[in-house]
Protein backbone atom coordinates (compact mmCIF):
# COMPACT_ATOMS: atom_id res chain seq x y z
CA MET A 1 0.25 0.12 0.14
CA LEU A 2 1.79 4.11 -0.78
CA LYS A 3 2.37 5.32 2.14
CA VAL A 4 3.55 9.19 3.19
CA ARG A 5 6.19 10.13 5.33
CA PRO A 6 4.66 11.27 8.78
CA GLY A 7 3.31 14.79 8.75
CA LYS A 8 1.29 14.38 5.12
CA GLY A 9 -2.23 14.49 5.21
CA LEU A 10 -4.78 12.30 3.03
CA LYS A 11 -4.53 14.94 0.51
CA SER A 12 -0.85 14.16 0.02
CA VAL A 13 -1.49 10.45 -0.50
CA VAL A 14 -4.07 11.29 -3.16
CA LEU A 15 -1.42 13.88 -4.89
CA ALA A 16 1.39 11.22 -4.57
CA TRP A 17 -0.95 8.12 -6.06
CA SER A 18 -2.18 9.86 -8.57
CA PHE A 19 1.34 10.93 -10.20
CA VAL A 20 2.30 7.40 -9.99
CA CYS A 21 -0.25 6.16 -11.82
CA ALA A 22 -0.46 9.56 -14.12
CA GLY A 23 -4.20 9.40 -13.50
CA ILE A 24 -4.92 13.08 -11.90
CA ALA A 25 -6.48 15.70 -14.16
CA GLY A 26 -4.38 17.51 -14.68
CA THR A 27 -3.30 19.66 -17.64
CA SER A 28 -4.36 17.98 -20.95
CA PHE A 29 -3.81 18.54 -24.28
CA ALA A 30 -7.35 19.25 -26.55
CA THR A 31 -6.40 18.26 -30.01
CA THR A 32 -4.89 15.04 -31.58
CA ALA A 33 -2.75 14.39 -34.90
CA PRO A 34 -4.89 13.61 -37.98
CA ASP A 35 -3.69 9.94 -38.04
CA ALA A 36 -3.89 9.35 -34.19
CA PRO A 37 -7.99 9.11 -33.25
CA PRO A 38 -9.11 9.15 -29.91
CA MET A 39 -9.35 5.15 -28.94
CA GLN A 40 -12.14 3.41 -27.48
CA ALA A 41 -11.41 1.36 -24.71
CA VAL A 42 -11.15 -2.08 -25.87
CA GLY A 43 -10.25 -4.98 -23.92
CA VAL A 44 -8.79 -4.15 -21.03
CA ALA A 45 -7.10 -0.76 -22.63
CA VAL A 46 -8.38 2.74 -21.89
CA GLY A 47 -6.19 4.74 -23.99
CA PRO A 48 -2.60 5.79 -25.05
CA GLN A 49 -3.04 9.19 -23.62
CA TYR A 50 -2.91 7.49 -20.27
CA ASP A 51 0.45 5.75 -20.76
CA THR A 52 3.70 6.95 -18.67
CA THR A 53 6.94 5.89 -19.36
CA HIS A 54 8.65 5.22 -16.00
CA VAL A 55 11.88 7.25 -15.55
CA TYR A 56 14.37 7.04 -12.86
CA VAL A 57 16.92 9.51 -12.08
CA PRO A 58 19.75 10.13 -9.55
CA ASN A 59 18.31 12.24 -6.30
CA GLU A 60 20.63 14.89 -7.38
CA ALA A 61 19.70 15.42 -10.94
CA LEU A 62 16.07 15.27 -10.32
CA ASP A 63 15.63 19.00 -10.70
CA LYS A 64 17.62 19.21 -14.02
CA PHE A 65 16.02 16.32 -15.58
CA VAL A 66 12.49 18.06 -14.72
CA ASP A 67 13.41 21.46 -16.08
CA SER A 68 14.71 20.10 -19.49
CA PHE A 69 11.84 17.65 -20.00
CA VAL A 70 9.52 20.32 -19.90
CA ALA A 71 11.57 23.12 -21.57
CA THR A 72 12.08 20.30 -24.32
CA PHE A 73 8.35 19.02 -24.71
CA ASP A 74 6.70 22.06 -23.35
CA GLY A 75 5.22 19.84 -20.54
CA HIS A 76 3.59 20.68 -17.10
CA PRO A 77 5.25 18.71 -13.99
CA SER A 78 3.20 18.02 -11.19
CA PRO A 79 4.31 18.79 -7.07
CA ARG A 80 6.70 16.76 -5.88
CA GLY A 81 6.80 14.84 -2.54
CA VAL A 82 8.55 12.10 -1.18
CA PHE A 83 6.39 8.98 -0.70
CA GLN A 84 5.89 4.98 -0.56
CA VAL A 85 5.19 3.88 -4.11
CA THR A 86 5.93 -0.04 -3.51
CA PRO A 87 4.40 -2.75 -1.91
CA THR A 88 7.24 -2.68 0.37
CA PRO A 89 9.34 -0.37 2.49
CA SER A 90 10.46 2.58 0.05
CA GLU A 91 10.83 6.23 0.07
CA THR A 92 11.32 7.91 -3.61
CA ALA A 93 10.93 12.07 -4.36
CA SER A 94 7.81 11.47 -7.46
CA GLN A 95 6.52 13.21 -9.63
CA TYR A 96 4.66 12.87 -13.40
CA ILE A 97 5.47 15.73 -16.29
CA GLN A 98 2.51 15.80 -18.73
CA THR A 99 3.44 17.20 -22.46
CA PRO A 100 1.74 16.82 -25.64
CA VAL A 101 3.88 14.07 -27.03
CA GLY A 102 3.69 12.15 -23.93
CA MET A 103 3.54 11.88 -20.22
CA LEU A 104 6.31 10.81 -17.27
CA SER A 105 6.22 9.00 -14.10
CA VAL A 106 9.69 10.00 -12.28
CA PHE A 107 11.41 8.21 -9.51
CA ALA A 108 14.09 9.69 -7.62
CA PHE A 109 14.23 7.20 -4.74
CA GLN A 110 15.74 7.71 -1.18
CA THR A 111 16.32 4.38 -0.20
CA PRO A 112 17.48 0.97 -2.08
CA VAL A 113 14.77 0.07 -5.00
CA PRO A 114 12.83 -2.89 -4.04
CA TYR A 115 13.17 -5.43 -6.08
CA PRO A 116 11.88 -5.48 -9.26
CA PHE A 117 10.98 -1.74 -9.41
CA GLY A 118 13.34 0.32 -11.63
CA SER A 119 13.22 -2.59 -14.44
CA GLU A 120 9.08 -1.79 -15.50
CA ARG A 121 9.34 0.97 -18.75
CA THR A 122 5.94 1.93 -18.87
CA GLY A 123 2.49 2.40 -16.67
CA TYR A 124 -0.72 1.00 -18.98
CA LEU A 125 -4.35 2.26 -17.46
CA VAL A 126 -6.68 -0.64 -17.58
CA THR A 127 -9.96 -0.80 -16.90
CA ASP A 128 -9.83 -3.71 -14.47
CA ILE A 129 -6.55 -4.65 -12.15
CA TYR A 130 -7.79 -8.36 -12.19
CA GLN A 131 -9.37 -8.93 -15.48
CA ALA A 132 -5.65 -7.27 -17.12
CA VAL A 133 -3.56 -9.49 -15.10
CA ARG A 134 -6.21 -12.77 -16.37
CA GLU A 135 -5.75 -11.51 -19.73
CA ALA A 136 -2.03 -11.23 -19.65
CA ARG A 137 -1.60 -14.20 -17.97
CA ALA A 138 -3.58 -15.80 -20.84
CA ALA A 139 -1.47 -14.08 -23.36
CA GLY A 140 1.65 -15.84 -21.64
CA ALA A 141 2.85 -12.94 -19.92
CA GLU A 142 4.03 -13.31 -16.77
CA ILE A 143 2.89 -11.41 -13.11
CA ILE A 144 6.44 -10.42 -11.25
CA VAL A 145 4.65 -8.69 -9.06
CA GLU A 146 0.80 -9.46 -8.51
CA PRO A 147 -2.28 -6.78 -7.98
CA PHE A 148 -1.33 -4.91 -4.69
CA ASP A 149 -3.38 -1.85 -2.88
CA ASP A 150 -3.21 1.96 -3.57
CA PRO A 151 -5.41 4.55 -1.35
CA ILE A 152 -7.14 5.16 -4.87
CA GLY A 153 -6.35 1.91 -7.27
CA LYS A 154 -4.67 -1.34 -8.03
CA ASP A 155 -1.12 -1.99 -9.38
CA ALA A 156 0.49 -4.61 -10.93
CA LEU A 157 3.89 -5.44 -12.65
CA ILE A 158 3.89 -8.53 -15.52
CA GLN A 159 7.01 -9.20 -18.22
CA PHE A 160 6.25 -10.42 -21.61
CA PRO A 161 8.78 -12.85 -23.15
CA GLY A 162 12.12 -11.36 -24.28
CA GLY A 163 12.07 -9.70 -20.63
CA VAL A 164 9.98 -6.76 -21.54
CA LYS A 165 8.62 -5.18 -17.98
CA MET A 166 5.41 -3.03 -17.65
CA GLN A 167 3.17 -1.72 -15.00
CA LEU A 168 -0.81 -2.29 -15.27
CA TYR A 169 -2.94 0.30 -13.31
CA TRP A 170 -6.01 0.95 -12.00
CA HIS A 171 -8.09 3.81 -10.37
CA THR A 172 -11.26 3.27 -8.15
CA LYS A 173 -12.40 6.75 -10.08
CA ALA A 174 -11.81 6.42 -13.59
CA PRO A 175 -9.21 9.80 -14.83
CA ASN A 176 -10.64 11.32 -17.86
CA TYR A 177 -7.96 13.26 -20.16
CA ALA A 178 -8.39 14.51 -23.65
CA PRO A 179 -5.73 12.73 -26.44
CA LEU A 180 -2.40 13.85 -26.61
CA LYS A 181 -1.09 15.16 -29.93
CA THR A 182 0.99 12.67 -30.91
CA VAL A 183 1.43 9.16 -29.62
CA PRO A 184 4.51 8.19 -28.16
CA GLU A 185 6.14 5.40 -28.96
CA ASN A 186 7.39 2.12 -27.11
CA ARG A 187 10.80 1.25 -28.12
CA VAL A 188 11.28 -2.61 -27.80
CA TYR A 189 14.67 -4.30 -28.14
CA VAL A 190 14.78 -8.45 -28.78
CA SER A 191 16.09 -10.99 -30.39
CA LYS A 192 15.46 -13.48 -33.22
CA TYR A 193 14.78 -16.35 -31.13
CA THR A 194 11.37 -13.95 -29.42
CA ALA A 195 10.48 -11.55 -31.67
CA ASP A 196 7.22 -13.70 -33.23
CA GLU A 197 6.75 -14.92 -29.61
CA PHE A 198 6.92 -11.70 -28.01
CA VAL A 199 5.12 -9.79 -30.95
CA ARG A 200 2.29 -12.93 -30.90
CA ARG A 201 1.61 -12.12 -26.70
CA TRP A 202 1.55 -8.46 -27.31
CA VAL A 203 -0.95 -8.42 -29.43
CA ARG A 204 -3.18 -10.89 -28.10
CA PHE A 205 -3.15 -9.12 -24.72
CA SER A 206 -3.53 -5.38 -26.61
CA LYS A 207 -5.87 -6.38 -29.15
CA GLY A 208 -3.75 -4.73 -31.39
CA HIS A 209 -2.72 -5.56 -35.29
CA VAL A 210 0.97 -5.41 -36.72
CA THR A 211 0.90 -2.66 -39.40
CA ALA A 212 4.38 -3.31 -40.50
CA ASP A 213 6.81 -6.03 -40.94
CA GLN A 214 9.77 -4.91 -42.26
CA HIS A 215 12.69 -7.61 -42.67
CA SER A 216 15.48 -5.76 -44.47
CA ALA A 217 15.19 -2.40 -42.49
CA ASP A 218 17.53 -0.05 -42.61
CA ALA A 219 19.91 -0.60 -39.66
CA GLY A 220 21.36 3.36 -39.78
CA GLU A 221 18.05 4.17 -37.57
CA ILE A 222 20.02 2.42 -34.56
CA GLY A 223 23.34 3.17 -35.24
CA LEU A 224 24.00 0.35 -38.26
CA PRO A 225 24.03 1.88 -41.42
CA GLY A 226 25.09 -0.37 -44.37
CA LYS A 227 23.20 -2.98 -42.68
CA THR A 228 19.88 -4.38 -42.21
CA PHE A 229 17.40 -5.53 -39.33
CA ARG A 230 13.73 -6.64 -39.03
CA ARG A 231 11.39 -3.24 -38.09
CA ILE A 232 8.07 -4.29 -36.31
CA GLU A 233 5.04 -1.98 -35.49
CA VAL A 234 2.02 -2.73 -33.93
CA VAL A 235 -0.73 -0.85 -32.96
CA SER A 236 -3.47 -0.90 -30.16
CA PRO A 237 -5.48 0.70 -28.15
CA PHE A 238 -2.66 1.22 -25.51
CA GLY A 239 -0.59 3.09 -28.07
CA LYS A 240 2.09 2.58 -30.20
CA MET A 241 5.02 0.20 -30.16
CA VAL A 242 7.98 -0.62 -32.62
CA VAL A 243 9.84 -3.78 -31.79
CA PHE A 244 13.89 -3.80 -33.01
CA VAL A 245 14.62 -7.27 -33.66
CA THR A 246 18.48 -7.35 -33.57
CA ASN A 247 21.56 -9.49 -32.50
CA GLY A 248 22.49 -7.28 -29.30
CA GLN A 249 25.54 -5.91 -31.19
CA LEU A 250 24.64 -2.48 -30.57
CA PRO A 251 25.93 0.77 -30.29
CA PHE A 252 25.24 3.27 -27.78
CA PRO A 253 22.68 4.72 -27.12
CA PHE A 254 20.76 1.86 -28.54
CA GLY A 255 18.61 -0.14 -26.87
CA ARG A 256 19.00 2.13 -23.77
CA GLU A 257 15.70 4.40 -25.01
CA THR A 258 12.43 2.58 -24.21
CA THR A 259 10.07 5.59 -25.65
CA GLY A 260 10.02 7.65 -29.35
CA TYR A 261 8.34 10.89 -29.25
CA GLU A 262 6.99 12.48 -32.57
CA VAL A 263 7.39 15.95 -32.87
CA PRO A 264 6.74 18.71 -35.67
CA ASP A 265 10.10 20.04 -36.06
CA LEU A 266 13.06 18.01 -35.04
CA GLN A 267 15.49 19.92 -35.38
CA ALA A 268 13.80 22.90 -33.63
CA THR A 269 13.22 20.27 -30.75
CA LEU A 270 16.72 19.58 -30.69
CA ASP A 271 17.93 23.00 -30.48
CA LYS A 272 15.65 23.81 -27.28
CA ALA A 273 17.01 20.49 -25.53
CA GLN A 274 20.36 21.45 -26.46
CA ALA A 275 19.57 24.77 -24.43
CA ASN A 276 18.30 23.26 -21.62
CA GLY A 277 21.16 20.67 -21.03
CA VAL A 278 20.55 17.78 -22.87
CA LYS A 279 22.74 16.05 -24.87
CA ILE A 280 22.14 14.34 -28.52
CA VAL A 281 23.57 11.13 -28.69
CA SER A 282 22.97 10.31 -32.11
CA PRO A 283 22.53 12.80 -34.77
CA PRO A 284 20.03 13.39 -36.90
CA PHE A 285 19.43 10.30 -39.35
CA GLU A 286 16.44 10.18 -42.69
CA THR A 287 14.22 7.32 -42.69
CA ALA A 288 12.02 6.47 -45.45
CA ARG A 289 9.73 7.72 -42.25
CA GLY A 290 11.42 10.89 -41.37
CA THR A 291 14.25 11.44 -39.30
CA THR A 292 15.51 10.66 -35.75
CA ALA A 293 17.95 11.36 -33.21
CA VAL A 294 18.43 9.80 -29.78
CA VAL A 295 19.07 12.37 -26.59
CA GLU A 296 19.96 12.04 -23.33
CA PHE A 297 18.70 14.22 -20.79
CA PRO A 298 20.20 15.03 -17.55
CA GLY A 299 20.33 12.09 -15.05
CA GLY A 300 20.99 9.89 -17.79
CA TYR A 301 17.25 9.38 -19.28
CA ILE A 302 17.85 8.10 -22.89
CA ALA A 303 14.87 9.10 -25.63
CA GLU A 304 14.57 8.75 -28.94
CA ILE A 305 12.69 11.65 -30.74
CA HIS A 306 11.36 11.85 -34.73
CA ASP A 307 9.11 13.68 -37.15
CA VAL A 308 7.60 12.29 -40.22
CA ALA A 309 8.24 12.17 -43.58
CA HIS A 310 6.38 14.68 -45.46
């Protein structure tokens, strides 16, 4: 159960868990991309505007990270507090960041991070946590942290073949967000030995479908120009996912980025990022889908940013 430090009231408890699950009705963005219409609940999914990338940063880098991410993507951070957000004792400074291109849940732990927290990439809002866990198991996922209570809902951690871990969360009172301007990509790296199994099981759970499966995509996109690799795109009511099937022999920073953000002007976004302490760790590379680059924010969070080919 989520606990708050002594001296905090019920209001702080609700704020804390609202951050963790990105489920408070803060600033929302009323417009959506023409190619990304609002999705209705299908299966247990609610919608991509409720997806929240989990970011763990050192305590001393928390301010710089939040400031740089907000400035880069025109975001809005929540108030910050120090809370217990795991089912076993721990303390973390916590806040969420809401932007037009995706949500973040940010953690700066003051204590050691209880296993297996810190390895999950994304939190997904579901309509029913127990149904979601049953459907995940039926699809072949492992339940690595069984559902546990918090003051306004429940949470669980699951793992799909290939070691892909994620959080599922549910609220007693459902939040209501407007769609994002652009839906971010969940970027998953798996081997050829588990790729088909992972995609099959994720599609079954997410009620999604494969929209592209390129067996000879330009590997310059993942830092290997002159080579090819298999690239799979999946769209579901949870949002977008890109699966990179590789031999694991990847140059830094590829494989470290878990989320890709779509922006209307990549160079303008990179200029803004650099002005706010962000490093470009893989320079812009043009693909048939648009131009892509990888950046590193203060605190070590690595993300891909791309635009769309006109």
